[in-house]
């Protein structure tokens, strides 16, 4: 039996007769284990938590590659582009004010603005759609 205890950064032991060492990091409801370039989240639940977790729907990853979403709740100060406009990586797309600070949202890559969904003065929630790219 390994002398490992929760909080130790490395677990060492044997699996199928092989000596193994893996990194262990705490996460919500469990641990993240890393070994030879692979990482996996391991959940640790009580019996009733495990029963409830099995009933939870699996959330599908959303493709946000062609969208600019509002990163925080705030007020749209300005939209710096127009529909059909060619943009370059690093170019300012919009400015959102949150908690009296203006946040400049910039393009991550080159592209073309397909449709603008928000206007200056609009109040947006987290992940609200600001604009789409073609």
Protein backbone atom coordinates (compact mmCIF):
# COMPACT_ATOMS: atom_id res chain seq x y z
CA UNK A 1 0.00 0.00 0.00
CA UNK A 2 1.26 3.47 -0.95
CA UNK A 3 1.84 6.05 1.80
CA UNK A 4 0.15 8.64 -0.45
CA UNK A 5 -2.47 10.91 1.11
CA UNK A 6 -4.68 13.65 -0.42
CA UNK A 7 -2.60 16.77 -0.98
CA UNK A 8 0.57 14.92 -2.02
CA UNK A 9 1.54 16.04 -5.56
CA UNK A 10 2.85 12.63 -6.71
CA UNK A 11 1.51 9.11 -6.26
CA UNK A 12 3.90 6.18 -6.61
CA UNK A 13 2.84 2.57 -6.66
CA UNK A 14 2.44 -0.48 -8.86
CA UNK A 15 -0.21 -1.20 -11.48
CA UNK A 16 -0.20 -4.71 -13.00
CA UNK A 17 3.25 -5.26 -11.49
CA UNK A 18 4.72 -2.11 -13.10
CA UNK A 19 6.19 0.68 -10.95
CA UNK A 20 4.22 3.87 -11.74
CA UNK A 21 4.48 7.50 -10.65
CA UNK A 22 1.81 10.05 -11.56
CA UNK A 23 1.07 13.66 -10.80
CA UNK A 24 -2.06 14.25 -8.69
CA UNK A 25 -3.83 17.60 -8.54
CA UNK A 26 -7.05 18.25 -6.63
CA UNK A 27 -10.08 19.46 -8.63
CA UNK A 28 -13.73 19.90 -7.67
CA UNK A 29 -15.16 16.51 -6.68
CA UNK A 30 -11.95 14.57 -7.28
CA UNK A 31 -8.45 14.61 -8.75
CA UNK A 32 -6.68 15.19 -12.08
CA UNK A 33 -4.11 12.47 -12.72
CA UNK A 34 -1.22 12.96 -15.18
CA UNK A 35 1.03 10.14 -16.40
CA UNK A 36 3.28 9.94 -19.49
CA UNK A 37 1.61 12.83 -21.31
CA UNK A 38 -1.97 11.77 -20.56
CA UNK A 39 -4.33 13.52 -18.15
CA UNK A 40 -7.64 12.32 -16.81
CA UNK A 41 -10.12 13.75 -14.31
CA UNK A 42 -11.21 11.25 -11.66
CA UNK A 43 -14.37 12.05 -9.72
CA UNK A 44 -14.76 10.93 -6.12
CA UNK A 45 -18.40 10.85 -5.01
CA UNK A 46 -20.43 9.47 -2.16
CA UNK A 47 -22.91 6.79 -3.23
CA UNK A 48 -25.81 9.29 -3.38
CA UNK A 49 -23.69 11.86 -5.29
CA UNK A 50 -22.70 9.19 -7.82
CA UNK A 51 -26.36 8.24 -8.35
CA UNK A 52 -27.26 11.91 -8.97
CA UNK A 53 -24.22 12.45 -11.25
CA UNK A 54 -25.33 9.57 -13.49
CA UNK A 55 -28.63 11.40 -14.09
CA UNK A 56 -26.98 14.66 -15.19
CA UNK A 57 -27.08 15.33 -18.95
CA UNK A 58 -23.73 15.49 -20.75
CA UNK A 59 -23.08 19.03 -21.90
CA UNK A 60 -21.95 19.21 -25.53
CA UNK A 61 -19.06 21.53 -26.34
CA UNK A 62 -20.19 24.65 -28.15
CA UNK A 63 -18.34 25.67 -31.32
CA UNK A 64 -17.44 29.31 -30.69
CA UNK A 65 -14.76 29.51 -33.39
CA UNK A 66 -16.90 31.73 -35.63
CA UNK A 67 -18.52 33.83 -32.91
CA UNK A 68 -17.55 36.64 -30.57
CA UNK A 69 -19.27 36.09 -27.22
CA UNK A 70 -19.41 38.58 -24.37
CA UNK A 71 -16.82 37.40 -21.80
CA UNK A 72 -18.57 39.04 -18.84
CA UNK A 73 -21.87 40.78 -18.10
CA UNK A 74 -21.60 44.37 -19.24
CA UNK A 75 -22.57 47.29 -21.44
CA UNK A 76 -21.52 47.45 -25.09
CA UNK A 77 -19.65 50.75 -25.42
CA UNK A 78 -18.91 50.40 -29.13
CA UNK A 79 -18.79 48.01 -32.07
CA UNK A 80 -15.67 48.82 -34.11
CA UNK A 81 -16.49 46.77 -37.22
CA UNK A 82 -19.29 46.50 -39.76
CA UNK A 83 -20.95 43.55 -41.52
CA UNK A 84 -18.90 42.29 -44.46
CA UNK A 85 -15.71 43.91 -43.19
CA UNK A 86 -12.41 42.00 -43.53
CA UNK A 87 -10.56 41.88 -40.22
CA UNK A 88 -7.04 40.98 -39.18
CA UNK A 89 -5.88 39.21 -36.02
CA UNK A 90 -5.47 41.69 -33.17
CA UNK A 91 -7.91 44.21 -34.64
CA UNK A 92 -10.45 45.74 -32.21
CA UNK A 93 -13.94 44.29 -32.66
CA UNK A 94 -15.88 45.76 -29.75
CA UNK A 95 -15.53 47.44 -26.37
CA UNK A 96 -17.53 46.17 -23.38
CA UNK A 97 -17.69 48.01 -20.05
CA UNK A 98 -17.95 45.92 -16.89
CA UNK A 99 -17.52 47.20 -13.33
CA UNK A 100 -16.45 50.65 -14.64
CA UNK A 101 -13.62 49.14 -16.72
CA UNK A 102 -13.59 49.09 -20.50
CA UNK A 103 -12.54 45.77 -22.02
CA UNK A 104 -11.36 45.79 -25.63
CA UNK A 105 -12.33 42.60 -27.48
CA UNK A 106 -9.91 41.81 -30.32
CA UNK A 107 -9.95 39.36 -33.23
CA UNK A 108 -8.04 36.14 -32.57
CA UNK A 109 -7.49 35.50 -36.29
CA UNK A 110 -8.14 36.97 -39.73
CA UNK A 111 -11.67 36.73 -41.12
CA UNK A 112 -14.79 38.50 -42.32
CA UNK A 113 -17.63 39.85 -40.17
CA UNK A 114 -20.82 38.00 -41.20
CA UNK A 115 -23.46 39.50 -38.86
CA UNK A 116 -23.50 41.88 -35.91
CA UNK A 117 -25.96 40.87 -33.17
CA UNK A 118 -25.34 43.61 -30.56
CA UNK A 119 -25.34 47.40 -30.71
CA UNK A 120 -23.68 50.12 -28.67
CA UNK A 121 -25.66 50.70 -25.50
CA UNK A 122 -26.89 47.11 -25.20
CA UNK A 123 -26.55 45.32 -21.88
CA UNK A 124 -25.27 41.77 -22.38
CA UNK A 125 -25.00 38.68 -20.18
CA UNK A 126 -22.03 36.32 -20.10
CA UNK A 127 -21.72 34.39 -23.41
CA UNK A 128 -24.23 36.64 -25.20
CA UNK A 129 -23.56 36.71 -28.95
CA UNK A 130 -21.94 39.96 -30.12
CA UNK A 131 -21.06 39.06 -33.71
CA UNK A 132 -20.47 36.17 -36.10
CA UNK A 133 -17.69 35.58 -38.61
CA UNK A 134 -18.07 34.11 -42.10
